Amino acid sequence: MNGGKGYISVREASCRWGVSGRRGNQHCAEGWISGVSQFGRSWAIPEDAEKTSDPRFKGRHLEPVRTST
């Protein structure tokens, strides 16, 4: 989406941040990203927006799951 100068789509932001598109939508809808605007069902995210930390994991660090073989 290049509908406005200085804005990117949820898809582009999700790729930059390494999260799913659904998660990107949740970040916007729940107000975790400042400066977002909603146009119908689409979100416009400022190009300089930073990925926010996930409050579900506040104070916790997740270790990768190891499986024994």
C-alpha atoms as a PDB file:
ATOM      1  CA  MET A   1       0.000   0.000   0.000  1.00  0.00           C
ATOM      2  CA  ASN A   2       1.441   3.309  -0.962  1.00  0.00           C
ATOM      3  CA  GLY A   3      -1.726   5.293  -0.425  1.00  0.00           C
ATOM      4  CA  GLY A   4      -0.040   8.056   1.510  1.00  0.00           C
ATOM      5  CA  LYS A   5       3.427   9.422   1.584  1.00  0.00           C
ATOM      6  CA  GLY A   6       5.279   8.285   4.671  1.00  0.00           C
ATOM      7  CA  TYR A   7       2.982   5.346   5.409  1.00  0.00           C
ATOM      8  CA  ILE A   8       3.291   1.589   4.907  1.00  0.00           C
ATOM      9  CA  SER A   9       0.787  -1.259   4.985  1.00  0.00           C
ATOM     10  CA  VAL A  10       0.371  -3.828   7.734  1.00  0.00           C
ATOM     11  CA  ARG A  11       1.836  -6.430   5.391  1.00  0.00           C
ATOM     12  CA  GLU A  12       5.003  -4.425   4.821  1.00  0.00           C
ATOM     13  CA  ALA A  13       5.373  -3.579   8.519  1.00  0.00           C
ATOM     14  CA  SER A  14       4.834  -7.231   9.452  1.00  0.00           C
ATOM     15  CA  CYS A  15       7.604  -8.325   7.087  1.00  0.00           C
ATOM     16  CA  ARG A  16       9.974  -5.705   8.512  1.00  0.00           C
ATOM     17  CA  TRP A  17       9.228  -6.727  12.086  1.00  0.00           C
ATOM     18  CA  GLY A  18       9.148 -10.494  11.554  1.00  0.00           C
ATOM     19  CA  VAL A  19       5.562 -11.013  12.717  1.00  0.00           C
ATOM     20  CA  SER A  20       2.469 -12.359  10.993  1.00  0.00           C
ATOM     21  CA  GLY A  21       0.001 -10.069   9.251  1.00  0.00           C
ATOM     22  CA  ARG A  22      -2.621 -10.973  11.829  1.00  0.00           C
ATOM     23  CA  ARG A  23      -0.280  -9.947  14.627  1.00  0.00           C
ATOM     24  CA  GLY A  24       0.422  -6.680  12.815  1.00  0.00           C
ATOM     25  CA  ASN A  25      -3.316  -5.986  12.659  1.00  0.00           C
ATOM     26  CA  GLN A  26      -3.592  -6.681  16.383  1.00  0.00           C
ATOM     27  CA  HIS A  27      -0.772  -4.246  17.135  1.00  0.00           C
ATOM     28  CA  CYS A  28      -2.695  -1.545  15.250  1.00  0.00           C
ATOM     29  CA  ALA A  29      -6.142  -2.351  16.638  1.00  0.00           C
ATOM     30  CA  GLU A  30      -4.951  -2.498  20.247  1.00  0.00           C
ATOM     31  CA  GLY A  31      -3.101   0.822  20.030  1.00  0.00           C
ATOM     32  CA  TRP A  32       0.441  -0.542  20.405  1.00  0.00           C
ATOM     33  CA  ILE A  33       1.735   1.530  17.476  1.00  0.00           C
ATOM     34  CA  SER A  34       1.543   5.298  17.644  1.00  0.00           C
ATOM     35  CA  GLY A  35       0.450   7.294  14.624  1.00  0.00           C
ATOM     36  CA  VAL A  36      -1.575   4.595  12.854  1.00  0.00           C
ATOM     37  CA  SER A  37      -4.697   5.499  10.907  1.00  0.00           C
ATOM     38  CA  GLN A  38      -7.487   3.200   9.846  1.00  0.00           C
ATOM     39  CA  PHE A  39      -9.103   3.575   6.424  1.00  0.00           C
ATOM     40  CA  GLY A  40     -12.003   1.154   6.161  1.00  0.00           C
ATOM     41  CA  ARG A  41     -10.486  -2.239   6.961  1.00  0.00           C
ATOM     42  CA  SER A  42      -6.897  -1.196   6.204  1.00  0.00           C
ATOM     43  CA  TRP A  43      -4.300   0.396   8.451  1.00  0.00           C
ATOM     44  CA  ALA A  44      -1.721   3.028   7.477  1.00  0.00           C
ATOM     45  CA  ILE A  45       1.411   2.756   9.620  1.00  0.00           C
ATOM     46  CA  PRO A  46       4.030   5.528   9.692  1.00  0.00           C
ATOM     47  CA  GLU A  47       7.229   4.443   7.902  1.00  0.00           C
ATOM     48  CA  ASP A  48       9.323   5.284  10.953  1.00  0.00           C
ATOM     49  CA  ALA A  49       7.137   3.308  13.399  1.00  0.00           C
ATOM     50  CA  GLU A  50       9.080   1.023  15.712  1.00  0.00           C
ATOM     51  CA  LYS A  51       8.074  -2.519  16.545  1.00  0.00           C
ATOM     52  CA  THR A  52       6.577  -2.507  20.018  1.00  0.00           C
ATOM     53  CA  SER A  53       7.323  -5.115  22.630  1.00  0.00           C
ATOM     54  CA  ASP A  54       4.624  -7.685  23.200  1.00  0.00           C
ATOM     55  CA  PRO A  55       2.972  -7.045  26.586  1.00  0.00           C
ATOM     56  CA  ARG A  56       1.977 -10.726  26.812  1.00  0.00           C
ATOM     57  CA  PHE A  57       5.610 -11.563  27.509  1.00  0.00           C
ATOM     58  CA  LYS A  58       6.539  -8.647  29.767  1.00  0.00           C
ATOM     59  CA  GLY A  59       9.504  -9.639  31.902  1.00  0.00           C
ATOM     60  CA  ARG A  60       9.816 -13.077  30.331  1.00  0.00           C
ATOM     61  CA  HIS A  61      12.245 -14.316  27.761  1.00  0.00           C
ATOM     62  CA  LEU A  62      11.115 -17.289  25.727  1.00  0.00           C
ATOM     63  CA  GLU A  63      13.693 -19.964  25.065  1.00  0.00           C
ATOM     64  CA  PRO A  64      13.538 -21.991  21.864  1.00  0.00           C
ATOM     65  CA  VAL A  65      11.830 -25.334  22.240  1.00  0.00           C
ATOM     66  CA  ARG A  66      14.317 -28.198  22.114  1.00  0.00           C
ATOM     67  CA  THR A  67      13.259 -31.658  21.131  1.00  0.00           C
ATOM     68  CA  SER A  68      15.266 -34.739  21.930  1.00  0.00           C
ATOM     69  CA  THR A  69      15.946 -37.220  19.169  1.00  0.00           C
END
